[in-house]
Amino acid sequence: MTAIRLVPPDGADWTIDALNTSEGVELAIAFTLQGKPITARFVMDRPEARKLAAGILKAAGDGTMRTFPKPAETIDG
């Protein structure tokens, strides 16, 4: 598996990298805080990485449902 990099499309100053390692998965989140670069690295085994991914998906879904509690109205015509 090759490294995966997520770079925001709006030019925001952060990246997320995921890399397959012998221990499982290394996740590196890099961002700038008060003008200083910060990188947080997490090494997880595969079950922990899957649990994290599931939690992130649940949080994203919950946030989406709170932001858009009902379908958008459409105009027929």
N, C-alpha and C. Protein backbone atom coordinates (compact mmCIF):
# COMPACT_ATOMS: atom_id res chain seq x y z
N MET A 1 0.85 -1.18 0.00
CA MET A 1 0.00 0.00 0.00
C MET A 1 0.89 1.24 0.00
N THR A 2 0.55 2.20 -0.81
CA THR A 2 1.30 3.43 -0.84
C THR A 2 0.73 4.43 0.15
N ALA A 3 1.48 5.47 0.40
CA ALA A 3 1.01 6.52 1.31
C ALA A 3 -0.17 7.24 0.68
N ILE A 4 -1.08 7.69 1.51
CA ILE A 4 -2.25 8.46 1.07
C ILE A 4 -2.12 9.85 1.67
N ARG A 5 -2.32 10.88 0.87
CA ARG A 5 -2.24 12.25 1.38
C ARG A 5 -3.55 12.96 1.06
N LEU A 6 -4.12 13.59 2.08
CA LEU A 6 -5.31 14.42 1.92
C LEU A 6 -4.88 15.86 2.07
N VAL A 7 -5.10 16.64 1.02
CA VAL A 7 -4.77 18.06 1.03
C VAL A 7 -6.07 18.81 0.75
N PRO A 8 -6.44 19.75 1.60
CA PRO A 8 -7.71 20.46 1.40
C PRO A 8 -7.70 21.26 0.10
N PRO A 9 -8.82 21.25 -0.63
CA PRO A 9 -8.87 21.94 -1.92
C PRO A 9 -8.89 23.47 -1.81
N ASP A 10 -9.19 23.99 -0.63
CA ASP A 10 -9.32 25.44 -0.49
C ASP A 10 -8.01 26.12 -0.11
N GLY A 11 -6.91 25.38 -0.11
CA GLY A 11 -5.62 25.97 0.22
C GLY A 11 -5.38 26.14 1.70
N ALA A 12 -6.25 25.58 2.55
CA ALA A 12 -6.04 25.66 3.99
C ALA A 12 -4.71 25.00 4.34
N ASP A 13 -4.17 25.37 5.46
CA ASP A 13 -2.82 24.94 5.81
C ASP A 13 -2.84 23.70 6.70
N TRP A 14 -3.24 22.56 6.13
CA TRP A 14 -3.18 21.31 6.85
C TRP A 14 -3.13 20.15 5.87
N THR A 15 -2.58 19.03 6.30
CA THR A 15 -2.56 17.81 5.51
C THR A 15 -2.75 16.63 6.45
N ILE A 16 -3.24 15.54 5.89
CA ILE A 16 -3.34 14.27 6.61
C ILE A 16 -2.67 13.22 5.73
N ASP A 17 -1.70 12.50 6.31
CA ASP A 17 -1.02 11.42 5.60
C ASP A 17 -1.27 10.11 6.33
N ALA A 18 -1.52 9.06 5.57
CA ALA A 18 -1.65 7.72 6.14
C ALA A 18 -0.65 6.82 5.44
N LEU A 19 0.08 6.03 6.23
CA LEU A 19 1.12 5.18 5.68
C LEU A 19 1.03 3.80 6.30
N ASN A 20 1.10 2.79 5.46
CA ASN A 20 1.12 1.41 5.91
C ASN A 20 2.48 1.13 6.55
N THR A 21 2.51 0.61 7.77
CA THR A 21 3.76 0.29 8.46
C THR A 21 3.73 -1.16 8.92
N SER A 22 4.87 -1.65 9.40
CA SER A 22 4.91 -3.03 9.91
C SER A 22 4.05 -3.18 11.16
N GLU A 23 3.85 -2.09 11.92
CA GLU A 23 3.01 -2.13 13.12
C GLU A 23 1.53 -1.98 12.80
N GLY A 24 1.21 -1.49 11.60
CA GLY A 24 -0.18 -1.26 11.21
C GLY A 24 -0.30 -0.05 10.31
N VAL A 25 -0.69 1.08 10.90
CA VAL A 25 -0.92 2.30 10.14
C VAL A 25 -0.32 3.48 10.91
N GLU A 26 0.36 4.38 10.19
CA GLU A 26 0.82 5.63 10.79
C GLU A 26 0.01 6.75 10.18
N LEU A 27 -0.60 7.55 11.03
CA LEU A 27 -1.40 8.69 10.60
C LEU A 27 -0.67 9.95 11.06
N ALA A 28 -0.40 10.85 10.13
CA ALA A 28 0.27 12.11 10.46
C ALA A 28 -0.64 13.27 10.06
N ILE A 29 -0.97 14.10 11.02
CA ILE A 29 -1.80 15.28 10.77
C ILE A 29 -0.90 16.49 10.98
N ALA A 30 -0.72 17.28 9.92
CA ALA A 30 0.16 18.45 9.98
C ALA A 30 -0.67 19.71 9.76
N PHE A 31 -0.39 20.73 10.56
CA PHE A 31 -1.10 22.00 10.44
C PHE A 31 -0.25 23.10 11.04
N THR A 32 -0.70 24.33 10.87
CA THR A 32 0.00 25.47 11.44
C THR A 32 -0.86 26.05 12.56
N LEU A 33 -0.25 26.28 13.71
CA LEU A 33 -0.94 26.83 14.86
C LEU A 33 -0.16 28.04 15.35
N GLN A 34 -0.78 29.18 15.28
CA GLN A 34 -0.15 30.44 15.68
C GLN A 34 1.19 30.64 14.97
N GLY A 35 1.19 30.31 13.66
CA GLY A 35 2.37 30.52 12.83
C GLY A 35 3.45 29.47 12.98
N LYS A 36 3.22 28.44 13.78
CA LYS A 36 4.22 27.40 13.99
C LYS A 36 3.71 26.06 13.44
N PRO A 37 4.55 25.35 12.69
CA PRO A 37 4.11 24.05 12.15
C PRO A 37 4.03 22.99 13.26
N ILE A 38 2.95 22.24 13.23
CA ILE A 38 2.71 21.17 14.20
C ILE A 38 2.42 19.89 13.41
N THR A 39 3.01 18.78 13.82
CA THR A 39 2.67 17.49 13.24
C THR A 39 2.38 16.52 14.37
N ALA A 40 1.19 15.93 14.33
CA ALA A 40 0.81 14.90 15.30
C ALA A 40 0.87 13.55 14.57
N ARG A 41 1.61 12.61 15.12
CA ARG A 41 1.74 11.29 14.51
C ARG A 41 1.12 10.24 15.43
N PHE A 42 0.35 9.35 14.82
CA PHE A 42 -0.30 8.27 15.55
C PHE A 42 0.04 6.96 14.87
N VAL A 43 0.52 5.99 15.61
CA VAL A 43 0.78 4.66 15.07
C VAL A 43 -0.24 3.73 15.70
N MET A 44 -1.00 3.06 14.84
CA MET A 44 -2.09 2.20 15.30
C MET A 44 -2.01 0.85 14.61
N ASP A 45 -2.51 -0.18 15.29
CA ASP A 45 -2.65 -1.44 14.58
C ASP A 45 -3.92 -1.34 13.72
N ARG A 46 -4.11 -2.29 12.84
CA ARG A 46 -5.23 -2.19 11.89
C ARG A 46 -6.61 -2.10 12.57
N PRO A 47 -6.90 -2.89 13.61
CA PRO A 47 -8.21 -2.75 14.25
C PRO A 47 -8.42 -1.35 14.86
N GLU A 48 -7.37 -0.77 15.45
CA GLU A 48 -7.49 0.59 16.00
C GLU A 48 -7.74 1.59 14.87
N ALA A 49 -7.04 1.42 13.75
CA ALA A 49 -7.22 2.34 12.61
C ALA A 49 -8.64 2.25 12.06
N ARG A 50 -9.17 1.04 11.98
CA ARG A 50 -10.54 0.88 11.50
C ARG A 50 -11.54 1.51 12.47
N LYS A 51 -11.29 1.37 13.77
CA LYS A 51 -12.17 1.97 14.78
C LYS A 51 -12.14 3.50 14.66
N LEU A 52 -10.94 4.07 14.47
CA LEU A 52 -10.82 5.52 14.28
C LEU A 52 -11.57 5.96 13.03
N ALA A 53 -11.38 5.24 11.92
CA ALA A 53 -12.06 5.60 10.67
C ALA A 53 -13.58 5.55 10.83
N ALA A 54 -14.08 4.53 11.52
CA ALA A 54 -15.52 4.42 11.75
C ALA A 54 -16.03 5.59 12.60
N GLY A 55 -15.26 5.98 13.61
CA GLY A 55 -15.65 7.11 14.46
C GLY A 55 -15.68 8.42 13.69
N ILE A 56 -14.69 8.61 12.81
CA ILE A 56 -14.66 9.83 11.99
C ILE A 56 -15.85 9.86 11.04
N LEU A 57 -16.17 8.73 10.42
CA LEU A 57 -17.33 8.68 9.52
C LEU A 57 -18.63 8.97 10.27
N LYS A 58 -18.77 8.41 11.48
CA LYS A 58 -19.97 8.67 12.28
C LYS A 58 -20.08 10.16 12.64
N ALA A 59 -18.96 10.74 13.04
CA ALA A 59 -18.98 12.17 13.40
C ALA A 59 -19.32 13.03 12.19
N ALA A 60 -18.79 12.68 11.03
CA ALA A 60 -19.08 13.45 9.81
C ALA A 60 -20.56 13.32 9.45
N GLY A 61 -21.10 12.11 9.57
CA GLY A 61 -22.52 11.91 9.28
C GLY A 61 -23.40 12.66 10.25
N ASP A 62 -23.05 12.63 11.53
CA ASP A 62 -23.81 13.35 12.54
C ASP A 62 -23.78 14.85 12.28
N GLY A 63 -22.59 15.36 11.95
CA GLY A 63 -22.46 16.79 11.65
C GLY A 63 -23.28 17.18 10.42
N THR A 64 -23.28 16.32 9.43
CA THR A 64 -24.06 16.60 8.22
C THR A 64 -25.55 16.61 8.53
N MET A 65 -26.00 15.63 9.32
CA MET A 65 -27.43 15.57 9.66
C MET A 65 -27.85 16.77 10.50
N ARG A 66 -26.98 17.27 11.36
CA ARG A 66 -27.32 18.44 12.17
C ARG A 66 -27.34 19.70 11.31
N THR A 67 -26.46 19.75 10.31
CA THR A 67 -26.39 20.92 9.43
C THR A 67 -27.53 20.93 8.43
N PHE A 68 -27.86 19.76 7.90
CA PHE A 68 -28.90 19.63 6.88
C PHE A 68 -29.93 18.61 7.37
N PRO A 69 -30.82 19.01 8.32
CA PRO A 69 -31.73 18.05 8.93
C PRO A 69 -32.83 17.52 7.99
N LYS A 70 -33.04 18.19 6.88
CA LYS A 70 -34.04 17.71 5.92
C LYS A 70 -33.53 17.98 4.51
N PRO A 71 -34.03 17.25 3.54
CA PRO A 71 -33.59 17.47 2.16
C PRO A 71 -33.90 18.90 1.70
N ALA A 72 -33.06 19.40 0.84
CA ALA A 72 -33.29 20.72 0.26
C ALA A 72 -34.54 20.72 -0.59
N GLU A 73 -35.27 21.82 -0.54
CA GLU A 73 -36.46 21.93 -1.39
C GLU A 73 -36.03 22.17 -2.81
N THR A 74 -36.72 21.56 -3.74
CA THR A 74 -36.41 21.76 -5.15
C THR A 74 -37.53 22.52 -5.82
N ILE A 75 -37.17 23.22 -6.85
CA ILE A 75 -38.16 23.97 -7.63
C ILE A 75 -38.39 23.19 -8.93
N ASP A 76 -39.63 22.73 -9.11
CA ASP A 76 -39.97 22.01 -10.35
C ASP A 76 -40.28 23.03 -11.43
N GLY A 77 -39.81 22.70 -12.60
CA GLY A 77 -40.19 23.63 -13.64
C GLY A 77 -39.34 23.51 -14.79
